[in-house]
C-alpha atoms as a PDB file:
ATOM      1  CA  MET A   1      -1.564 -65.209 166.978  1.00  0.00           C
ATOM      2  CA  ARG A   2      -4.476 -64.384 167.934  1.00  0.00           C
ATOM      3  CA  ARG A   3      -6.974 -67.771 168.774  1.00  0.00           C
ATOM      4  CA  LYS A   4     -10.067 -67.963 167.409  1.00  0.00           C
ATOM      5  CA  PRO A   5     -13.456 -68.296 169.997  1.00  0.00           C
ATOM      6  CA  GLY A   6     -13.933 -71.729 171.079  1.00  0.00           C
ATOM      7  CA  ARG A   7     -17.103 -73.576 169.967  1.00  0.00           C
ATOM      8  CA  ILE A   8     -19.487 -75.004 172.522  1.00  0.00           C
ATOM      9  CA  HIS A   9     -20.145 -78.318 172.250  1.00  0.00           C
ATOM     10  CA  PRO A  10     -23.811 -79.680 171.443  1.00  0.00           C
ATOM     11  CA  PHE A  11     -23.336 -82.383 173.753  1.00  0.00           C
ATOM     12  CA  LEU A  12     -21.707 -80.069 176.715  1.00  0.00           C
ATOM     13  CA  PHE A  13     -25.063 -77.544 175.656  1.00  0.00           C
ATOM     14  CA  GLU A  14     -27.436 -80.484 176.176  1.00  0.00           C
ATOM     15  CA  ARG A  15     -25.690 -81.517 179.998  1.00  0.00           C
ATOM     16  CA  SER A  16     -26.136 -77.841 181.037  1.00  0.00           C
ATOM     17  CA  PHE A  17     -29.812 -78.041 179.880  1.00  0.00           C
ATOM     18  CA  LEU A  18     -30.633 -81.517 181.631  1.00  0.00           C
ATOM     19  CA  GLY A  19     -28.620 -80.091 184.416  1.00  0.00           C
ATOM     20  CA  ILE A  20     -30.590 -77.249 184.587  1.00  0.00           C
ATOM     21  CA  LEU A  21     -33.822 -78.950 184.117  1.00  0.00           C
ATOM     22  CA  ALA A  22     -33.082 -81.818 186.924  1.00  0.00           C
ATOM     23  CA  CYS A  23     -31.925 -79.124 189.770  1.00  0.00           C
ATOM     24  CA  GLY A  24     -35.237 -77.432 189.734  1.00  0.00           C
ATOM     25  CA  TYR A  25     -37.266 -81.102 189.040  1.00  0.00           C
ATOM     26  CA  VAL A  26     -35.681 -81.414 193.027  1.00  0.00           C
ATOM     27  CA  VAL A  27     -36.676 -78.424 193.732  1.00  0.00           C
ATOM     28  CA  TYR A  28     -40.432 -78.276 192.711  1.00  0.00           C
ATOM     29  CA  TRP A  29     -40.334 -81.904 193.890  1.00  0.00           C
ATOM     30  CA  VAL A  30     -39.012 -80.696 197.433  1.00  0.00           C
ATOM     31  CA  VAL A  31     -41.757 -77.699 198.129  1.00  0.00           C
ATOM     32  CA  PHE A  32     -45.030 -79.706 195.655  1.00  0.00           C
ATOM     33  CA  GLY A  33     -44.392 -82.427 195.632  1.00  0.00           C
ATOM     34  CA  HIS A  34     -46.112 -83.883 198.843  1.00  0.00           C
ATOM     35  CA  VAL A  35     -48.795 -81.678 198.158  1.00  0.00           C
ATOM     36  CA  LEU A  36     -49.081 -83.880 194.947  1.00  0.00           C
ATOM     37  CA  TYR A  37     -48.840 -86.763 196.980  1.00  0.00           C
ATOM     38  CA  SER A  38     -51.160 -86.241 200.218  1.00  0.00           C
ATOM     39  CA  TRP A  39     -53.339 -85.197 196.867  1.00  0.00           C
ATOM     40  CA  ALA A  40     -52.506 -88.592 194.725  1.00  0.00           C
ATOM     41  CA  PHE A  41     -52.569 -91.049 197.724  1.00  0.00           C
ATOM     42  CA  PRO A  42     -55.046 -89.390 200.636  1.00  0.00           C
ATOM     43  CA  SER A  43     -54.150 -91.052 203.861  1.00  0.00           C
ATOM     44  CA  THR A  44     -55.578 -94.515 205.044  1.00  0.00           C
ATOM     45  CA  ASP A  45     -54.600 -93.811 208.590  1.00  0.00           C
ATOM     46  CA  PRO A  46     -57.912 -94.684 210.608  1.00  0.00           C
ATOM     47  CA  VAL A  47     -57.387 -91.644 213.276  1.00  0.00           C
ATOM     48  CA  VAL A  48     -56.969 -88.456 213.416  1.00  0.00           C
ATOM     49  CA  ASP A  49     -55.117 -86.395 215.424  1.00  0.00           C
ATOM     50  CA  HIS A  50     -55.551 -82.560 216.576  1.00  0.00           C
ATOM     51  CA  HIS A  51     -52.663 -81.182 218.424  1.00  0.00           C
ATOM     52  CA  ILE A  52     -53.599 -77.949 220.798  1.00  0.00           C
ATOM     53  CA  GLU A  53     -50.751 -75.636 220.805  1.00  0.00           C
ATOM     54  CA  THR A  54     -51.849 -73.650 223.481  1.00  0.00           C
ATOM     55  CA  HIS A  55     -50.606 -74.289 227.250  1.00  0.00           C
ATOM     56  CA  ALA A  56     -52.387 -76.502 229.703  1.00  0.00           C
ATOM     57  CA  SER A  57     -50.988 -73.476 232.040  1.00  0.00           C
ATOM     58  CA  THR A  58     -52.809 -71.415 229.981  1.00  0.00           C
ATOM     59  CA  GLU A  59     -55.751 -73.706 228.770  1.00  0.00           C
ATOM     60  CA  ILE A  60     -56.653 -73.642 233.188  1.00  0.00           C
ATOM     61  CA  GLN A  61     -56.483 -70.344 233.579  1.00  0.00           C
ATOM     62  CA  TYR A  62     -58.667 -69.469 231.066  1.00  0.00           C
ATOM     63  CA  TRP A  63     -61.498 -71.400 233.054  1.00  0.00           C
ATOM     64  CA  THR A  64     -62.308 -69.751 235.824  1.00  0.00           C
ATOM     65  CA  VAL A  65     -65.506 -71.068 238.064  1.00  0.00           C
ATOM     66  CA  ALA A  66     -68.007 -68.988 236.815  1.00  0.00           C
ATOM     67  CA  LYS A  67     -66.843 -69.289 233.002  1.00  0.00           C
ATOM     68  CA  MET A  68     -67.551 -73.790 233.748  1.00  0.00           C
ATOM     69  CA  ARG A  69     -71.258 -73.087 235.281  1.00  0.00           C
ATOM     70  CA  SER A  70     -72.250 -70.564 232.692  1.00  0.00           C
ATOM     71  CA  ALA A  71     -70.996 -73.050 229.428  1.00  0.00           C
ATOM     72  CA  VAL A  72     -74.066 -74.035 227.209  1.00  0.00           C
ATOM     73  CA  ASP A  73     -74.120 -77.766 226.340  1.00  0.00           C
ATOM     74  CA  GLU A  74     -72.598 -79.041 223.488  1.00  0.00           C
ATOM     75  CA  ASP A  75     -75.464 -80.873 222.097  1.00  0.00           C
ATOM     76  CA  GLN A  76     -77.635 -77.033 222.345  1.00  0.00           C
ATOM     77  CA  GLN A  77     -74.937 -75.288 220.562  1.00  0.00           C
ATOM     78  CA  TYR A  78     -74.571 -76.987 218.206  1.00  0.00           C
ATOM     79  CA  ARG A  79     -76.867 -80.276 217.833  1.00  0.00           C
ATOM     80  CA  GLY A  80     -79.886 -79.991 219.089  1.00  0.00           C
ATOM     81  CA  SER A  81     -82.368 -83.215 218.371  1.00  0.00           C
ATOM     82  CA  SER A  82     -81.968 -86.389 216.585  1.00  0.00           C
ATOM     83  CA  SER A  83     -85.519 -86.928 215.487  1.00  0.00           C
ATOM     84  CA  SER A  84     -85.118 -87.847 212.361  1.00  0.00           C
ATOM     85  CA  VAL A  85     -82.381 -90.475 213.219  1.00  0.00           C
ATOM     86  CA  GLN A  86     -84.154 -93.764 211.852  1.00  0.00           C
ATOM     87  CA  GLU A  87     -83.006 -96.713 213.619  1.00  0.00           C
ATOM     88  CA  LYS A  88     -84.151-100.620 213.648  1.00  0.00           C
ATOM     89  CA  ASN A  89     -83.920-103.522 215.851  1.00  0.00           C
ATOM     90  CA  SER A  90     -80.741-105.471 214.623  1.00  0.00           C
ATOM     91  CA  PRO A  91     -77.843-107.482 216.842  1.00  0.00           C
ATOM     92  CA  THR A  92     -74.070-107.133 216.290  1.00  0.00           C
ATOM     93  CA  ARG A  93     -70.950-109.244 215.058  1.00  0.00           C
ATOM     94  CA  PRO A  94     -69.387-108.153 217.056  1.00  0.00           C
ATOM     95  CA  GLY A  95     -65.412-109.312 216.586  1.00  0.00           C
ATOM     96  CA  LYS A  96     -63.592-110.973 219.400  1.00  0.00           C
ATOM     97  CA  ALA A  97     -64.038-109.971 223.108  1.00  0.00           C
ATOM     98  CA  THR A  98     -61.481-108.221 224.545  1.00  0.00           C
ATOM     99  CA  LEU A  99     -61.217-106.176 228.083  1.00  0.00           C
ATOM    100  CA  LYS A 100     -58.564-104.423 230.518  1.00  0.00           C
ATOM    101  CA  GLN A 101     -58.079-104.400 234.161  1.00  0.00           C
ATOM    102  CA  GLY A 102     -59.004-100.911 235.287  1.00  0.00           C
ATOM    103  CA  GLN A 103     -56.369 -98.407 237.536  1.00  0.00           C
ATOM    104  CA  ALA A 104     -57.652 -97.437 241.171  1.00  0.00           C
ATOM    105  CA  PRO A 105     -57.205 -94.148 242.189  1.00  0.00           C
ATOM    106  CA  ARG A 106     -53.906 -92.747 244.447  1.00  0.00           C
ATOM    107  CA  ASP A 107     -56.409 -91.923 247.174  1.00  0.00           C
ATOM    108  CA  LYS A 108     -58.423 -95.407 248.406  1.00  0.00           C
ATOM    109  CA  ASN A 109     -61.087 -92.929 249.910  1.00  0.00           C
ATOM    110  CA  LEU A 110     -62.501 -91.684 246.843  1.00  0.00           C
ATOM    111  CA  ALA A 111     -65.417 -94.102 245.200  1.00  0.00           C
ATOM    112  CA  TYR A 112     -64.130 -96.094 242.171  1.00  0.00           C
ATOM    113  CA  PRO A 113     -64.929 -95.954 239.200  1.00  0.00           C
ATOM    114  CA  LEU A 114     -67.094 -93.445 239.850  1.00  0.00           C
ATOM    115  CA  SER A 115     -64.007 -91.103 240.565  1.00  0.00           C
ATOM    116  CA  THR A 116     -63.204 -91.630 236.693  1.00  0.00           C
ATOM    117  CA  VAL A 117     -66.063 -89.229 235.809  1.00  0.00           C
ATOM    118  CA  GLY A 118     -65.967 -85.794 235.203  1.00  0.00           C
ATOM    119  CA  LYS A 119     -66.463 -82.967 233.277  1.00  0.00           C
ATOM    120  CA  LEU A 120     -65.250 -81.409 230.269  1.00  0.00           C
ATOM    121  CA  PHE A 121     -64.967 -77.618 228.786  1.00  0.00           C
ATOM    122  CA  PHE A 122     -63.739 -76.389 225.786  1.00  0.00           C
ATOM    123  CA  THR A 123     -64.893 -73.733 223.150  1.00  0.00           C
ATOM    124  CA  ASP A 124     -65.353 -73.607 219.733  1.00  0.00           C
ATOM    125  CA  ASP A 125     -63.941 -71.359 216.907  1.00  0.00           C
ATOM    126  CA  ALA A 126     -66.326 -68.578 217.535  1.00  0.00           C
ATOM    127  CA  GLY A 127     -65.186 -68.873 221.197  1.00  0.00           C
ATOM    128  CA  HIS A 128     -68.298 -70.274 222.699  1.00  0.00           C
ATOM    129  CA  ASN A 129     -68.177 -72.363 225.895  1.00  0.00           C
ATOM    130  CA  MET A 130     -69.338 -75.347 225.896  1.00  0.00           C
ATOM    131  CA  SER A 131     -69.273 -78.618 227.875  1.00  0.00           C
ATOM    132  CA  CYS A 132     -69.491 -82.560 228.084  1.00  0.00           C
ATOM    133  CA  SER A 133     -68.788 -85.142 229.908  1.00  0.00           C
ATOM    134  CA  GLY A 134     -65.988 -87.685 230.064  1.00  0.00           C
ATOM    135  CA  THR A 135     -64.031 -90.611 232.003  1.00  0.00           C
ATOM    136  CA  ALA A 136     -60.815 -91.612 232.820  1.00  0.00           C
ATOM    137  CA  VAL A 137     -59.112 -94.798 230.887  1.00  0.00           C
ATOM    138  CA  THR A 138     -56.453 -97.108 232.384  1.00  0.00           C
ATOM    139  CA  SER A 139     -53.845 -96.917 229.634  1.00  0.00           C
ATOM    140  CA  PRO A 140     -49.583 -96.943 229.252  1.00  0.00           C
ATOM    141  CA  ASN A 141     -49.620 -93.315 229.434  1.00  0.00           C
ATOM    142  CA  ARG A 142     -52.225 -92.108 232.267  1.00  0.00           C
ATOM    143  CA  SER A 143     -53.332 -89.792 230.858  1.00  0.00           C
ATOM    144  CA  VAL A 144     -56.612 -90.814 228.237  1.00  0.00           C
ATOM    145  CA  VAL A 145     -59.939 -89.202 228.744  1.00  0.00           C
ATOM    146  CA  ASP A 146     -63.450 -91.070 226.877  1.00  0.00           C
ATOM    147  CA  THR A 147     -65.859 -89.206 225.469  1.00  0.00           C
ATOM    148  CA  ALA A 148     -67.723 -88.716 222.514  1.00  0.00           C
ATOM    149  CA  GLY A 149     -66.611 -87.245 218.499  1.00  0.00           C
ATOM    150  CA  HIS A 150     -68.443 -84.743 218.481  1.00  0.00           C
ATOM    151  CA  CYS A 151     -67.484 -83.237 221.862  1.00  0.00           C
ATOM    152  CA  PHE A 152     -63.601 -82.125 219.713  1.00  0.00           C
ATOM    153  CA  TYR A 153     -65.114 -82.421 216.201  1.00  0.00           C
ATOM    154  CA  TYR A 154     -68.118 -80.844 214.224  1.00  0.00           C
ATOM    155  CA  TYR A 155     -69.489 -78.918 211.008  1.00  0.00           C
ATOM    156  CA  GLY A 156     -65.437 -78.806 210.131  1.00  0.00           C
ATOM    157  CA  GLN A 157     -64.108 -77.543 213.026  1.00  0.00           C
ATOM    158  CA  TRP A 158     -62.321 -78.604 216.745  1.00  0.00           C
ATOM    159  CA  MET A 159     -62.461 -77.148 219.717  1.00  0.00           C
ATOM    160  CA  GLN A 160     -59.986 -75.769 221.511  1.00  0.00           C
ATOM    161  CA  ASN A 161     -59.195 -74.558 225.376  1.00  0.00           C
ATOM    162  CA  VAL A 162     -60.313 -78.232 226.437  1.00  0.00           C
ATOM    163  CA  ILE A 163     -59.444 -79.490 229.906  1.00  0.00           C
ATOM    164  CA  PHE A 164     -61.189 -82.402 232.215  1.00  0.00           C
ATOM    165  CA  CYS A 165     -62.527 -82.244 235.517  1.00  0.00           C
ATOM    166  CA  PRO A 166     -63.420 -85.220 237.156  1.00  0.00           C
ATOM    167  CA  LEU A 167     -65.229 -84.808 240.273  1.00  0.00           C
ATOM    168  CA  TYR A 168     -66.946 -81.557 239.509  1.00  0.00           C
ATOM    169  CA  ASP A 169     -69.589 -80.482 241.082  1.00  0.00           C
ATOM    170  CA  ASN A 170     -71.419 -76.650 240.737  1.00  0.00           C
ATOM    171  CA  GLY A 171     -67.808 -75.771 240.368  1.00  0.00           C
ATOM    172  CA  ASN A 172     -65.600 -77.600 242.522  1.00  0.00           C
ATOM    173  CA  THR A 173     -63.295 -80.003 241.132  1.00  0.00           C
ATOM    174  CA  PRO A 174     -61.617 -81.646 244.450  1.00  0.00           C
ATOM    175  CA  TYR A 175     -58.432 -82.822 241.911  1.00  0.00           C
ATOM    176  CA  GLY A 176     -58.441 -79.412 239.855  1.00  0.00           C
ATOM    177  CA  CYS A 177     -58.654 -80.268 236.128  1.00  0.00           C
ATOM    178  CA  TRP A 178     -56.038 -81.355 233.328  1.00  0.00           C
ATOM    179  CA  ALA A 179     -55.997 -79.748 230.325  1.00  0.00           C
ATOM    180  CA  ALA A 180     -55.344 -81.575 227.117  1.00  0.00           C
ATOM    181  CA  HIS A 181     -52.423 -81.594 224.394  1.00  0.00           C
ATOM    182  CA  ASP A 182     -54.379 -83.752 221.289  1.00  0.00           C
ATOM    183  CA  LEU A 183     -57.511 -84.550 220.141  1.00  0.00           C
ATOM    184  CA  GLU A 184     -58.097 -87.622 218.872  1.00  0.00           C
ATOM    185  CA  ILE A 185     -61.420 -89.296 216.629  1.00  0.00           C
ATOM    186  CA  PRO A 186     -61.282 -91.869 213.960  1.00  0.00           C
ATOM    187  CA  ALA A 187     -61.344 -90.489 210.349  1.00  0.00           C
ATOM    188  CA  ASP A 188     -64.669 -91.642 209.370  1.00  0.00           C
ATOM    189  CA  TRP A 189     -66.357 -89.269 212.259  1.00  0.00           C
ATOM    190  CA  ILE A 190     -64.974 -86.328 209.923  1.00  0.00           C
ATOM    191  CA  ASN A 191     -66.360 -88.002 206.478  1.00  0.00           C
ATOM    192  CA  ALA A 192     -69.332 -89.431 208.715  1.00  0.00           C
ATOM    193  CA  ASN A 193     -72.485 -89.075 206.943  1.00  0.00           C
ATOM    194  CA  PRO A 194     -75.238 -86.049 208.733  1.00  0.00           C
ATOM    195  CA  GLY A 195     -76.708 -87.972 211.546  1.00  0.00           C
ATOM    196  CA  ASP A 196     -74.475 -90.945 211.268  1.00  0.00           C
ATOM    197  CA  PHE A 197     -73.172 -91.897 214.867  1.00  0.00           C
ATOM    198  CA  HIS A 198     -72.478 -95.284 215.010  1.00  0.00           C
ATOM    199  CA  HIS A 199     -69.151 -94.151 215.070  1.00  0.00           C
ATOM    200  CA  ASP A 200     -69.131 -90.982 217.352  1.00  0.00           C
ATOM    201  CA  PHE A 201     -65.490 -92.133 219.647  1.00  0.00           C
ATOM    202  CA  GLY A 202     -63.656 -89.225 221.177  1.00  0.00           C
ATOM    203  CA  MET A 203     -60.266 -89.454 223.454  1.00  0.00           C
ATOM    204  CA  ALA A 204     -57.686 -86.470 224.600  1.00  0.00           C
ATOM    205  CA  ILE A 205     -54.680 -86.555 225.801  1.00  0.00           C
ATOM    206  CA  VAL A 206     -53.998 -84.522 229.072  1.00  0.00           C
ATOM    207  CA  SER A 207     -50.888 -83.260 230.278  1.00  0.00           C
ATOM    208  CA  PRO A 208     -50.041 -83.904 234.213  1.00  0.00           C
ATOM    209  CA  ASN A 209     -51.606 -80.914 236.800  1.00  0.00           C
ATOM    210  CA  SER A 210     -50.153 -79.897 239.862  1.00  0.00           C
ATOM    211  CA  GLN A 211     -50.810 -83.495 241.488  1.00  0.00           C
ATOM    212  CA  GLY A 212     -49.594 -85.921 238.796  1.00  0.00           C
ATOM    213  CA  LEU A 213     -50.539 -87.977 235.675  1.00  0.00           C
ATOM    214  CA  LEU A 214     -54.670 -88.288 235.590  1.00  0.00           C
ATOM    215  CA  THR A 215     -54.585 -91.904 236.145  1.00  0.00           C
ATOM    216  CA  ASP A 216     -52.186 -92.317 238.970  1.00  0.00           C
ATOM    217  CA  VAL A 217     -54.805 -89.788 241.393  1.00  0.00           C
ATOM    218  CA  VAL A 218     -58.379 -90.151 240.045  1.00  0.00           C
ATOM    219  CA  GLY A 219     -57.880 -93.553 238.535  1.00  0.00           C
ATOM    220  CA  GLY A 220     -58.961 -95.099 235.077  1.00  0.00           C
ATOM    221  CA  VAL A 221     -61.558 -97.166 234.247  1.00  0.00           C
ATOM    222  CA  GLY A 222     -61.672-100.381 232.824  1.00  0.00           C
ATOM    223  CA  TRP A 223     -62.388-100.899 229.516  1.00  0.00           C
ATOM    224  CA  ALA A 224     -63.946-103.953 227.107  1.00  0.00           C
ATOM    225  CA  TYR A 225     -64.747-104.083 223.364  1.00  0.00           C
ATOM    226  CA  ASN A 226     -66.809-106.433 221.430  1.00  0.00           C
ATOM    227  CA  GLN A 227     -68.804-107.566 224.081  1.00  0.00           C
ATOM    228  CA  PRO A 228     -72.387-108.195 224.141  1.00  0.00           C
ATOM    229  CA  VAL A 229     -75.308-105.760 224.564  1.00  0.00           C
ATOM    230  CA  ASN A 230     -77.673-107.577 226.751  1.00  0.00           C
ATOM    231  CA  ARG A 231     -76.219-107.160 229.731  1.00  0.00           C
ATOM    232  CA  GLN A 232     -76.434-104.157 232.411  1.00  0.00           C
ATOM    233  CA  PHE A 233     -75.387-100.699 232.039  1.00  0.00           C
ATOM    234  CA  TYR A 234     -74.625 -98.367 234.359  1.00  0.00           C
ATOM    235  CA  ALA A 235     -74.601 -94.403 232.725  1.00  0.00           C
ATOM    236  CA  TYR A 236     -72.956 -91.294 234.084  1.00  0.00           C
ATOM    237  CA  GLY A 237     -73.388 -87.441 232.862  1.00  0.00           C
ATOM    238  CA  TYR A 238     -73.298 -83.725 233.489  1.00  0.00           C
ATOM    239  CA  PRO A 239     -77.394 -83.282 231.515  1.00  0.00           C
ATOM    240  CA  ALA A 240     -77.780 -79.636 231.720  1.00  0.00           C
ATOM    241  CA  GLY A 241     -81.340 -79.303 229.752  1.00  0.00           C
ATOM    242  CA  TYR A 242     -84.327 -79.399 231.937  1.00  0.00           C
ATOM    243  CA  PRO A 243     -84.872 -80.620 234.620  1.00  0.00           C
ATOM    244  CA  PHE A 244     -80.747 -81.034 234.770  1.00  0.00           C
ATOM    245  CA  ASP A 245     -78.444 -78.494 235.289  1.00  0.00           C
ATOM    246  CA  GLY A 246     -74.720 -79.328 234.201  1.00  0.00           C
ATOM    247  CA  GLN A 247     -73.669 -78.857 237.011  1.00  0.00           C
ATOM    248  CA  SER A 248     -73.552 -82.162 238.733  1.00  0.00           C
ATOM    249  CA  ARG A 249     -73.095 -86.156 238.126  1.00  0.00           C
ATOM    250  CA  GLN A 250     -76.562 -88.004 237.001  1.00  0.00           C
ATOM    251  CA  SER A 251     -77.184 -91.052 236.458  1.00  0.00           C
ATOM    252  CA  CYS A 252     -78.943 -93.865 235.136  1.00  0.00           C
ATOM    253  CA  GLU A 253     -77.945 -97.378 236.205  1.00  0.00           C
ATOM    254  CA  GLY A 254     -79.189-100.581 235.907  1.00  0.00           C
ATOM    255  CA  SER A 255     -80.653-100.557 232.431  1.00  0.00           C
ATOM    256  CA  ALA A 256     -80.899-103.644 230.013  1.00  0.00           C
ATOM    257  CA  GLY A 257     -78.731-102.377 226.159  1.00  0.00           C
ATOM    258  CA  MET A 258     -80.206-103.127 223.095  1.00  0.00           C
ATOM    259  CA  SER A 259     -78.775-103.380 219.586  1.00  0.00           C
ATOM    260  CA  TRP A 260     -79.840-101.144 217.051  1.00  0.00           C
ATOM    261  CA  GLN A 261     -78.525-100.677 213.266  1.00  0.00           C
ATOM    262  CA  HIS A 262     -77.874 -97.466 212.915  1.00  0.00           C
ATOM    263  CA  GLY A 263     -76.523 -95.116 209.867  1.00  0.00           C
ATOM    264  CA  GLU A 264     -73.358 -97.292 208.455  1.00  0.00           C
ATOM    265  CA  GLY A 265     -72.779 -99.674 211.971  1.00  0.00           C
ATOM    266  CA  THR A 266     -74.126 -99.958 214.869  1.00  0.00           C
ATOM    267  CA  VAL A 267     -75.864 -98.365 218.471  1.00  0.00           C
ATOM    268  CA  VAL A 268     -76.679 -99.460 221.363  1.00  0.00           C
ATOM    269  CA  SER A 269     -79.860 -98.561 223.458  1.00  0.00           C
ATOM    270  CA  ILE A 270     -81.356 -98.275 226.878  1.00  0.00           C
ATOM    271  CA  PRO A 271     -83.567 -96.551 229.481  1.00  0.00           C
ATOM    272  CA  CYS A 272     -82.162 -92.946 229.883  1.00  0.00           C
ATOM    273  CA  ASN A 273     -83.687 -89.429 230.507  1.00  0.00           C
ATOM    274  CA  MET A 274     -80.521 -87.855 230.750  1.00  0.00           C
ATOM    275  CA  ASN A 275     -79.985 -85.432 227.677  1.00  0.00           C
ATOM    276  CA  GLY A 276     -77.920 -82.256 226.492  1.00  0.00           C
ATOM    277  CA  GLY A 277     -74.159 -82.165 227.978  1.00  0.00           C
ATOM    278  CA  SER A 278     -74.285 -86.148 229.134  1.00  0.00           C
ATOM    279  CA  SER A 279     -72.689 -86.965 225.761  1.00  0.00           C
ATOM    280  CA  GLY A 280     -69.543 -88.891 226.242  1.00  0.00           C
ATOM    281  CA  GLY A 281     -70.396 -90.124 229.809  1.00  0.00           C
ATOM    282  CA  PRO A 282     -69.733 -92.743 229.848  1.00  0.00           C
ATOM    283  CA  TRP A 283     -71.313 -96.548 230.193  1.00  0.00           C
ATOM    284  CA  PHE A 284     -70.052 -99.098 232.831  1.00  0.00           C
ATOM    285  CA  ILE A 285     -70.495-102.500 232.419  1.00  0.00           C
ATOM    286  CA  LYS A 286     -69.532-105.106 235.670  1.00  0.00           C
ATOM    287  CA  ILE A 287     -67.820-108.318 234.999  1.00  0.00           C
ATOM    288  CA  GLY A 288     -67.254-109.998 238.630  1.00  0.00           C
ATOM    289  CA  ASN A 289     -66.274-107.674 240.162  1.00  0.00           C
ATOM    290  CA  ASN A 290     -64.502-104.827 237.974  1.00  0.00           C
ATOM    291  CA  TRP A 291     -66.176-102.499 236.185  1.00  0.00           C
ATOM    292  CA  TYR A 292     -65.201-101.142 232.765  1.00  0.00           C
ATOM    293  CA  LEU A 293     -66.393 -98.700 230.084  1.00  0.00           C
ATOM    294  CA  ASN A 294     -67.792-100.189 227.116  1.00  0.00           C
ATOM    295  CA  GLY A 295     -69.615 -97.428 225.779  1.00  0.00           C
ATOM    296  CA  HIS A 296     -70.915 -94.183 226.100  1.00  0.00           C
ATOM    297  CA  ASN A 297     -73.841 -91.290 226.271  1.00  0.00           C
ATOM    298  CA  ASP A 298     -74.446 -89.852 222.984  1.00  0.00           C
ATOM    299  CA  PHE A 299     -77.837 -88.903 221.033  1.00  0.00           C
ATOM    300  CA  GLY A 300     -81.362 -89.416 221.410  1.00  0.00           C
ATOM    301  CA  SER A 301     -84.081 -90.299 218.428  1.00  0.00           C
ATOM    302  CA  SER A 302     -88.330 -89.748 218.857  1.00  0.00           C
ATOM    303  CA  LEU A 303     -87.837 -93.448 217.528  1.00  0.00           C
ATOM    304  CA  LEU A 304     -87.418 -94.427 221.103  1.00  0.00           C
ATOM    305  CA  PRO A 305     -88.261 -91.342 223.279  1.00  0.00           C
ATOM    306  CA  GLU A 306     -86.660 -91.714 226.613  1.00  0.00           C
ATOM    307  CA  HIS A 307     -83.524 -94.209 225.658  1.00  0.00           C
ATOM    308  CA  MET A 308     -79.587 -92.703 225.232  1.00  0.00           C
ATOM    309  CA  PHE A 309     -78.189 -94.225 222.278  1.00  0.00           C
ATOM    310  CA  SER A 310     -74.686 -95.239 222.458  1.00  0.00           C
ATOM    311  CA  PRO A 311     -71.739 -96.503 220.151  1.00  0.00           C
ATOM    312  CA  TYR A 312     -71.033 -99.780 219.745  1.00  0.00           C
ATOM    313  CA  TYR A 313     -67.874 -99.972 221.054  1.00  0.00           C
ATOM    314  CA  ASP A 314     -66.239-101.808 218.941  1.00  0.00           C
ATOM    315  CA  ASP A 315     -62.648-102.279 216.853  1.00  0.00           C
ATOM    316  CA  ALA A 316     -62.815 -99.165 215.243  1.00  0.00           C
ATOM    317  CA  TRP A 317     -62.543 -98.244 219.286  1.00  0.00           C
ATOM    318  CA  TYR A 318     -59.623 -99.745 220.135  1.00  0.00           C
ATOM    319  CA  THR A 319     -58.051 -98.260 217.442  1.00  0.00           C
ATOM    320  CA  LEU A 320     -58.820 -94.878 218.635  1.00  0.00           C
ATOM    321  CA  TYR A 321     -57.759 -96.365 222.347  1.00  0.00           C
ATOM    322  CA  ARG A 322     -54.115 -97.466 221.290  1.00  0.00           C
ATOM    323  CA  LYS A 323     -53.376 -94.322 219.318  1.00  0.00           C
ATOM    324  CA  ALA A 324     -54.639 -92.716 222.133  1.00  0.00           C
ATOM    325  CA  SER A 325     -52.896 -94.440 224.997  1.00  0.00           C
ATOM    326  CA  ALA A 326     -49.253 -94.728 223.287  1.00  0.00           C
ATOM    327  CA  TYR A 327     -48.993 -90.962 223.254  1.00  0.00           C
END
């Protein structure tokens, strides 16, 4: 006897439809969920990390002596003068003052902490070769370089081919150079208003070279933050504007600091005639018999000619350092 075709029960149809709908919902969230989440809940990480894909050996090989000598200082290429910046004298309200002693270089004949000062080289998206100054800082990974944030990220672009050459002198790099694999800046530097440099911090994490880990070889200066500014600062860097040529380390030593309100935070000034190319070069302070990094060359202002300004090294600086040193 011929059987009548069975009817699909409405409940079974609904279950099948709902199952297909659920699978589609899961696929949708797997594919697009992370995009919607990041739009609805933006990251609150105070540090932005940029990974450099280029292999360390390729970065090192790119920088011939001729390219190093001809690299344009970053300030000349991008920023020019900060004469429109307006500052006013302001007392700092620091958090807890903290410091850490440094790491001596392997070669005891090196003059520490000057052995930690060097020149940074990098290229932008357009292929311009540029330079800044920087400092090897003591850290658990023995591979952190401190500098200005605008040396790594400016006008919406990250720099590439980043290397650090301590003790650089007219193309000579006695211990070689170290290539960066990650760059870090504060999130509020990316979102900073034009002309606001109060958190213009930057750090590079570098790979070992043939000599070894960076601070094992040339030492790592100690660091300090939330410190009083009415002390003597010793600034170093590689200025490239006239009368300097960027090929030798220069200094402004033993100048007293003064705090200023700038943008949305605090900066510090010292009398100093260094100019573009010195950006990121260290400001050392001496407490007892020990040296500490407590600022860097960052910008100038027509309000106070023949002076150099640094962001005030505060909790934001330490947050950046702590993440960089954990790599």
